[in-house]
PDB file of N, CA and C in Angstrom:
ATOM      1  N   UNK A   1     -14.901  25.061  47.562  1.00  0.00           N
ATOM      2  CA  UNK A   1     -14.999  26.319  46.844  1.00  0.00           C
ATOM      3  C   UNK A   1     -14.021  26.249  45.665  1.00  0.00           C
ATOM      4  N   UNK A   2     -14.531  26.564  44.482  1.00  0.00           N
ATOM      5  CA  UNK A   2     -13.665  26.529  43.303  1.00  0.00           C
ATOM      6  C   UNK A   2     -12.970  27.880  43.106  1.00  0.00           C
ATOM      7  N   UNK A   3     -12.072  27.912  42.161  1.00  0.00           N
ATOM      8  CA  UNK A   3     -11.267  29.116  41.944  1.00  0.00           C
ATOM      9  C   UNK A   3     -12.106  30.349  41.571  1.00  0.00           C
ATOM     10  N   UNK A   4     -13.106  30.214  40.678  1.00  0.00           N
ATOM     11  CA  UNK A   4     -13.924  31.399  40.375  1.00  0.00           C
ATOM     12  C   UNK A   4     -14.660  31.945  41.614  1.00  0.00           C
ATOM     13  N   UNK A   5     -15.123  31.063  42.483  1.00  0.00           N
ATOM     14  CA  UNK A   5     -15.777  31.519  43.712  1.00  0.00           C
ATOM     15  C   UNK A   5     -14.772  32.246  44.603  1.00  0.00           C
ATOM     16  N   UNK A   6     -13.573  31.720  44.689  1.00  0.00           N
ATOM     17  CA  UNK A   6     -12.522  32.344  45.488  1.00  0.00           C
ATOM     18  C   UNK A   6     -12.180  33.728  44.929  1.00  0.00           C
ATOM     19  N   UNK A   7     -12.028  33.817  43.636  1.00  0.00           N
ATOM     20  CA  UNK A   7     -11.716  35.103  42.993  1.00  0.00           C
ATOM     21  C   UNK A   7     -12.837  36.108  43.250  1.00  0.00           C
ATOM     22  N   UNK A   8     -14.066  35.622  43.284  1.00  0.00           N
ATOM     23  CA  UNK A   8     -15.200  36.504  43.584  1.00  0.00           C
ATOM     24  C   UNK A   8     -15.024  37.145  44.957  1.00  0.00           C
ATOM     25  N   UNK A   9     -14.621  36.368  45.961  1.00  0.00           N
ATOM     26  CA  UNK A   9     -14.362  36.917  47.301  1.00  0.00           C
ATOM     27  C   UNK A   9     -13.227  37.934  47.258  1.00  0.00           C
ATOM     28  N   UNK A  10     -12.116  37.541  46.669  1.00  0.00           N
ATOM     29  CA  UNK A  10     -10.921  38.386  46.657  1.00  0.00           C
ATOM     30  C   UNK A  10     -11.170  39.707  45.938  1.00  0.00           C
ATOM     31  N   UNK A  11     -11.966  39.670  44.875  1.00  0.00           N
ATOM     32  CA  UNK A  11     -12.215  40.878  44.076  1.00  0.00           C
ATOM     33  C   UNK A  11     -13.453  41.646  44.501  1.00  0.00           C
ATOM     34  N   UNK A  12     -14.069  41.255  45.614  1.00  0.00           N
ATOM     35  CA  UNK A  12     -15.253  41.966  46.101  1.00  0.00           C
ATOM     36  C   UNK A  12     -14.868  43.420  46.367  1.00  0.00           C
ATOM     37  N   UNK A  13     -15.706  44.355  45.937  1.00  0.00           N
ATOM     38  CA  UNK A  13     -15.376  45.778  46.079  1.00  0.00           C
ATOM     39  C   UNK A  13     -15.536  46.279  47.509  1.00  0.00           C
ATOM     40  N   UNK A  14     -16.220  45.492  48.350  1.00  0.00           N
ATOM     41  CA  UNK A  14     -16.398  45.897  49.746  1.00  0.00           C
ATOM     42  C   UNK A  14     -15.132  45.609  50.545  1.00  0.00           C
ATOM     43  N   UNK A  15     -15.022  46.262  51.663  1.00  0.00           N
ATOM     44  CA  UNK A  15     -13.898  46.040  52.563  1.00  0.00           C
ATOM     45  C   UNK A  15     -13.892  44.578  53.007  1.00  0.00           C
ATOM     46  N   UNK A  16     -12.722  43.920  53.027  1.00  0.00           N
ATOM     47  CA  UNK A  16     -12.667  42.520  53.459  1.00  0.00           C
ATOM     48  C   UNK A  16     -13.271  42.295  54.847  1.00  0.00           C
ATOM     49  N   UNK A  17     -13.102  43.260  55.744  1.00  0.00           N
ATOM     50  CA  UNK A  17     -13.673  43.120  57.081  1.00  0.00           C
ATOM     51  C   UNK A  17     -15.179  42.993  57.045  1.00  0.00           C
ATOM     52  N   UNK A  18     -15.817  43.734  56.150  1.00  0.00           N
ATOM     53  CA  UNK A  18     -17.271  43.665  55.995  1.00  0.00           C
ATOM     54  C   UNK A  18     -17.672  42.310  55.420  1.00  0.00           C
ATOM     55  N   UNK A  19     -16.988  41.899  54.378  1.00  0.00           N
ATOM     56  CA  UNK A  19     -17.300  40.618  53.730  1.00  0.00           C
ATOM     57  C   UNK A  19     -17.147  39.477  54.733  1.00  0.00           C
ATOM     58  N   UNK A  20     -16.059  39.476  55.467  1.00  0.00           N
ATOM     59  CA  UNK A  20     -15.795  38.393  56.408  1.00  0.00           C
ATOM     60  C   UNK A  20     -16.752  38.411  57.593  1.00  0.00           C
ATOM     61  N   UNK A  21     -17.126  39.592  58.040  1.00  0.00           N
ATOM     62  CA  UNK A  21     -18.051  39.671  59.180  1.00  0.00           C
ATOM     63  C   UNK A  21     -19.443  39.171  58.803  1.00  0.00           C
ATOM     64  N   UNK A  22     -19.790  39.231  57.542  1.00  0.00           N
ATOM     65  CA  UNK A  22     -21.094  38.763  57.082  1.00  0.00           C
ATOM     66  C   UNK A  22     -21.111  37.268  56.776  1.00  0.00           C
ATOM     67  N   UNK A  23     -19.953  36.649  56.691  1.00  0.00           N
ATOM     68  CA  UNK A  23     -19.867  35.232  56.363  1.00  0.00           C
ATOM     69  C   UNK A  23     -20.203  34.374  57.579  1.00  0.00           C
ATOM     70  N   UNK A  24     -20.787  33.220  57.319  1.00  0.00           N
ATOM     71  CA  UNK A  24     -21.046  32.259  58.390  1.00  0.00           C
ATOM     72  C   UNK A  24     -19.729  31.563  58.748  1.00  0.00           C
ATOM     73  N   UNK A  25     -19.725  30.858  59.858  1.00  0.00           N
ATOM     74  CA  UNK A  25     -18.526  30.105  60.249  1.00  0.00           C
ATOM     75  C   UNK A  25     -18.195  29.081  59.173  1.00  0.00           C
ATOM     76  N   UNK A  26     -19.202  28.411  58.647  1.00  0.00           N
ATOM     77  CA  UNK A  26     -18.976  27.413  57.594  1.00  0.00           C
ATOM     78  C   UNK A  26     -18.365  28.065  56.356  1.00  0.00           C
ATOM     79  N   UNK A  27     -18.875  29.214  55.968  1.00  0.00           N
ATOM     80  CA  UNK A  27     -18.319  29.922  54.811  1.00  0.00           C
ATOM     81  C   UNK A  27     -16.874  30.332  55.075  1.00  0.00           C
ATOM     82  N   UNK A  28     -16.591  30.792  56.293  1.00  0.00           N
ATOM     83  CA  UNK A  28     -15.213  31.153  56.638  1.00  0.00           C
ATOM     84  C   UNK A  28     -14.299  29.939  56.563  1.00  0.00           C
ATOM     85  N   UNK A  29     -14.758  28.810  57.056  1.00  0.00           N
ATOM     86  CA  UNK A  29     -13.945  27.588  56.997  1.00  0.00           C
ATOM     87  C   UNK A  29     -13.649  27.211  55.553  1.00  0.00           C
ATOM     88  N   UNK A  30     -14.655  27.291  54.703  1.00  0.00           N
ATOM     89  CA  UNK A  30     -14.457  26.973  53.287  1.00  0.00           C
ATOM     90  C   UNK A  30     -13.520  27.969  52.619  1.00  0.00           C
ATOM     91  N   UNK A  31     -13.670  29.236  52.964  1.00  0.00           N
ATOM     92  CA  UNK A  31     -12.817  30.269  52.382  1.00  0.00           C
ATOM     93  C   UNK A  31     -11.367  30.095  52.814  1.00  0.00           C
ATOM     94  N   UNK A  32     -11.152  29.867  54.098  1.00  0.00           N
ATOM     95  CA  UNK A  32      -9.784  29.664  54.589  1.00  0.00           C
ATOM     96  C   UNK A  32      -9.153  28.459  53.901  1.00  0.00           C
ATOM     97  N   UNK A  33      -9.907  27.387  53.762  1.00  0.00           N
ATOM     98  CA  UNK A  33      -9.391  26.196  53.088  1.00  0.00           C
ATOM     99  C   UNK A  33      -9.046  26.492  51.627  1.00  0.00           C
ATOM    100  N   UNK A  34      -9.947  27.177  50.940  1.00  0.00           N
ATOM    101  CA  UNK A  34      -9.707  27.505  49.528  1.00  0.00           C
ATOM    102  C   UNK A  34      -8.509  28.436  49.367  1.00  0.00           C
ATOM    103  N   UNK A  35      -8.395  29.404  50.264  1.00  0.00           N
ATOM    104  CA  UNK A  35      -7.253  30.325  50.205  1.00  0.00           C
ATOM    105  C   UNK A  35      -5.943  29.590  50.461  1.00  0.00           C
ATOM    106  N   UNK A  36      -5.949  28.688  51.438  1.00  0.00           N
ATOM    107  CA  UNK A  36      -4.751  27.910  51.744  1.00  0.00           C
ATOM    108  C   UNK A  36      -4.323  27.094  50.526  1.00  0.00           C
ATOM    109  N   UNK A  37      -5.298  26.415  49.919  1.00  0.00           N
ATOM    110  CA  UNK A  37      -4.982  25.614  48.729  1.00  0.00           C
ATOM    111  C   UNK A  37      -4.493  26.502  47.588  1.00  0.00           C
ATOM    112  N   UNK A  38      -5.075  27.679  47.438  1.00  0.00           N
ATOM    113  CA  UNK A  38      -4.661  28.605  46.386  1.00  0.00           C
ATOM    114  C   UNK A  38      -3.233  29.099  46.620  1.00  0.00           C
ATOM    115  N   UNK A  39      -2.903  29.356  47.871  1.00  0.00           N
ATOM    116  CA  UNK A  39      -1.550  29.836  48.181  1.00  0.00           C
ATOM    117  C   UNK A  39      -0.492  28.763  47.951  1.00  0.00           C
ATOM    118  N   UNK A  40      -0.927  27.509  47.886  1.00  0.00           N
ATOM    119  CA  UNK A  40      -0.006  26.397  47.666  1.00  0.00           C
ATOM    120  C   UNK A  40       0.163  26.085  46.180  1.00  0.00           C
ATOM    121  N   UNK A  41      -0.270  26.988  45.319  1.00  0.00           N
ATOM    122  CA  UNK A  41      -0.122  26.809  43.874  1.00  0.00           C
ATOM    123  C   UNK A  41       1.057  27.651  43.379  1.00  0.00           C
ATOM    124  N   UNK A  42       1.556  27.353  42.193  1.00  0.00           N
ATOM    125  CA  UNK A  42       2.662  28.141  41.652  1.00  0.00           C
ATOM    126  C   UNK A  42       2.308  29.620  41.440  1.00  0.00           C
ATOM    127  N   UNK A  43       1.038  29.902  41.138  1.00  0.00           N
ATOM    128  CA  UNK A  43       0.625  31.280  40.890  1.00  0.00           C
ATOM    129  C   UNK A  43      -0.661  31.590  41.651  1.00  0.00           C
ATOM    130  N   UNK A  44      -0.538  31.871  42.957  1.00  0.00           N
ATOM    131  CA  UNK A  44      -1.743  32.201  43.731  1.00  0.00           C
ATOM    132  C   UNK A  44      -2.347  33.522  43.276  1.00  0.00           C
ATOM    133  N   UNK A  45      -3.630  33.677  43.551  1.00  0.00           N
ATOM    134  CA  UNK A  45      -4.328  34.916  43.203  1.00  0.00           C
ATOM    135  C   UNK A  45      -3.718  36.087  43.962  1.00  0.00           C
ATOM    136  N   UNK A  46      -3.659  37.234  43.306  1.00  0.00           N
ATOM    137  CA  UNK A  46      -3.165  38.437  43.951  1.00  0.00           C
ATOM    138  C   UNK A  46      -4.102  38.788  45.106  1.00  0.00           C
ATOM    139  N   UNK A  47      -3.546  39.001  46.271  1.00  0.00           N
ATOM    140  CA  UNK A  47      -4.333  39.343  47.445  1.00  0.00           C
ATOM    141  C   UNK A  47      -4.732  38.152  48.298  1.00  0.00           C
ATOM    142  N   UNK A  48      -4.458  36.944  47.820  1.00  0.00           N
ATOM    143  CA  UNK A  48      -4.871  35.744  48.562  1.00  0.00           C
ATOM    144  C   UNK A  48      -4.215  35.666  49.939  1.00  0.00           C
ATOM    145  N   UNK A  49      -2.975  36.090  50.063  1.00  0.00           N
ATOM    146  CA  UNK A  49      -2.271  36.028  51.356  1.00  0.00           C
ATOM    147  C   UNK A  49      -2.964  36.913  52.398  1.00  0.00           C
ATOM    148  N   UNK A  50      -3.309  38.113  52.000  1.00  0.00           N
ATOM    149  CA  UNK A  50      -3.980  39.039  52.925  1.00  0.00           C
ATOM    150  C   UNK A  50      -5.344  38.486  53.318  1.00  0.00           C
ATOM    151  N   UNK A  51      -6.096  38.017  52.337  1.00  0.00           N
ATOM    152  CA  UNK A  51      -7.401  37.446  52.634  1.00  0.00           C
ATOM    153  C   UNK A  51      -7.276  36.231  53.541  1.00  0.00           C
ATOM    154  N   UNK A  52      -6.272  35.409  53.317  1.00  0.00           N
ATOM    155  CA  UNK A  52      -6.065  34.225  54.162  1.00  0.00           C
ATOM    156  C   UNK A  52      -5.831  34.644  55.612  1.00  0.00           C
ATOM    157  N   UNK A  53      -4.982  35.618  55.808  1.00  0.00           N
ATOM    158  CA  UNK A  53      -4.693  36.086  57.165  1.00  0.00           C
ATOM    159  C   UNK A  53      -5.934  36.672  57.828  1.00  0.00           C
ATOM    160  N   UNK A  54      -6.664  37.513  57.111  1.00  0.00           N
ATOM    161  CA  UNK A  54      -7.864  38.133  57.671  1.00  0.00           C
ATOM    162  C   UNK A  54      -8.955  37.100  57.968  1.00  0.00           C
ATOM    163  N   UNK A  55      -9.174  36.182  57.040  1.00  0.00           N
ATOM    164  CA  UNK A  55     -10.211  35.167  57.231  1.00  0.00           C
ATOM    165  C   UNK A  55      -9.844  34.220  58.366  1.00  0.00           C
ATOM    166  N   UNK A  56      -8.571  33.857  58.469  1.00  0.00           N
ATOM    167  CA  UNK A  56      -8.124  32.994  59.563  1.00  0.00           C
ATOM    168  C   UNK A  56      -8.312  33.666  60.908  1.00  0.00           C
ATOM    169  N   UNK A  57      -7.985  34.943  60.981  1.00  0.00           N
ATOM    170  CA  UNK A  57      -8.160  35.701  62.230  1.00  0.00           C
ATOM    171  C   UNK A  57      -9.634  35.803  62.612  1.00  0.00           C
ATOM    172  N   UNK A  58     -10.489  36.064  61.644  1.00  0.00           N
ATOM    173  CA  UNK A  58     -11.933  36.166  61.922  1.00  0.00           C
ATOM    174  C   UNK A  58     -12.481  34.819  62.394  1.00  0.00           C
ATOM    175  N   UNK A  59     -12.066  33.750  61.755  1.00  0.00           N
ATOM    176  CA  UNK A  59     -12.517  32.422  62.156  1.00  0.00           C
ATOM    177  C   UNK A  59     -12.045  32.100  63.572  1.00  0.00           C
ATOM    178  N   UNK A  60     -10.822  32.415  63.873  1.00  0.00           N
ATOM    179  CA  UNK A  60     -10.286  32.177  65.217  1.00  0.00           C
ATOM    180  C   UNK A  60     -11.045  32.996  66.265  1.00  0.00           C
ATOM    181  N   UNK A  61     -11.321  34.255  65.966  1.00  0.00           N
ATOM    182  CA  UNK A  61     -12.088  35.103  66.887  1.00  0.00           C
ATOM    183  C   UNK A  61     -13.446  34.493  67.202  1.00  0.00           C
ATOM    184  N   UNK A  62     -14.094  34.010  66.178  1.00  0.00           N
ATOM    185  CA  UNK A  62     -15.430  33.430  66.388  1.00  0.00           C
ATOM    186  C   UNK A  62     -15.361  32.150  67.209  1.00  0.00           C
ATOM    187  N   UNK A  63     -14.360  31.356  66.967  1.00  0.00           N
ATOM    188  CA  UNK A  63     -14.234  30.115  67.732  1.00  0.00           C
ATOM    189  C   UNK A  63     -13.921  30.411  69.192  1.00  0.00           C
ATOM    190  N   UNK A  64     -13.105  31.394  69.451  1.00  0.00           N
ATOM    191  CA  UNK A  64     -12.768  31.767  70.828  1.00  0.00           C
ATOM    192  C   UNK A  64     -14.011  32.302  71.530  1.00  0.00           C
ATOM    193  N   UNK A  65     -14.805  33.112  70.837  1.00  0.00           N
ATOM    194  CA  UNK A  65     -16.040  33.638  71.437  1.00  0.00           C
ATOM    195  C   UNK A  65     -17.022  32.521  71.753  1.00  0.00           C
ATOM    196  N   UNK A  66     -17.100  31.529  70.888  1.00  0.00           N
ATOM    197  CA  UNK A  66     -18.071  30.450  71.073  1.00  0.00           C
ATOM    198  C   UNK A  66     -17.604  29.453  72.126  1.00  0.00           C
ATOM    199  N   UNK A  67     -16.307  29.164  72.169  1.00  0.00           N
ATOM    200  CA  UNK A  67     -15.765  28.173  73.091  1.00  0.00           C
ATOM    201  C   UNK A  67     -14.557  28.744  73.841  1.00  0.00           C
ATOM    202  N   UNK A  68     -14.748  29.758  74.689  1.00  0.00           N
ATOM    203  CA  UNK A  68     -13.609  30.410  75.343  1.00  0.00           C
ATOM    204  C   UNK A  68     -12.767  29.474  76.206  1.00  0.00           C
ATOM    205  N   UNK A  69     -13.381  28.521  76.882  1.00  0.00           N
ATOM    206  CA  UNK A  69     -12.614  27.618  77.744  1.00  0.00           C
ATOM    207  C   UNK A  69     -11.709  26.684  76.962  1.00  0.00           C
ATOM    208  N   UNK A  70     -12.089  26.354  75.752  1.00  0.00           N
ATOM    209  CA  UNK A  70     -11.294  25.449  74.921  1.00  0.00           C
ATOM    210  C   UNK A  70      -9.993  26.107  74.476  1.00  0.00           C
ATOM    211  N   UNK A  71      -9.934  27.426  74.515  1.00  0.00           N
ATOM    212  CA  UNK A  71      -8.754  28.150  74.065  1.00  0.00           C
ATOM    213  C   UNK A  71      -8.000  28.805  75.211  1.00  0.00           C
ATOM    214  N   UNK A  72      -8.346  28.450  76.427  1.00  0.00           N
ATOM    215  CA  UNK A  72      -7.631  28.978  77.580  1.00  0.00           C
ATOM    216  C   UNK A  72      -8.044  30.380  77.963  1.00  0.00           C
ATOM    217  N   UNK A  73      -9.113  30.886  77.395  1.00  0.00           N
ATOM    218  CA  UNK A  73      -9.598  32.221  77.746  1.00  0.00           C
ATOM    219  C   UNK A  73     -10.628  32.103  78.865  1.00  0.00           C
ATOM    220  N   UNK A  74     -10.689  33.105  79.682  1.00  0.00           N
ATOM    221  CA  UNK A  74     -11.674  33.058  80.778  1.00  0.00           C
ATOM    222  C   UNK A  74     -12.833  33.978  80.498  1.00  0.00           C
TER     223      UNK A  74
END
């Protein structure tokens, strides 16, 4: 995901929870990766930290739901 695509996510007028819930697992993985790389720059996009945290949490939730035994959940 390039920077303009990332900015498109961050500046989406919808609630981040809605945007993230509509994303596929693959899209979430790409978004989390892009956000991480963006946060490692001298001037990350405004809001990237919040989006990174929310997207990471959503991705983790989905992985736990799909593979509960792999994460120690019963």
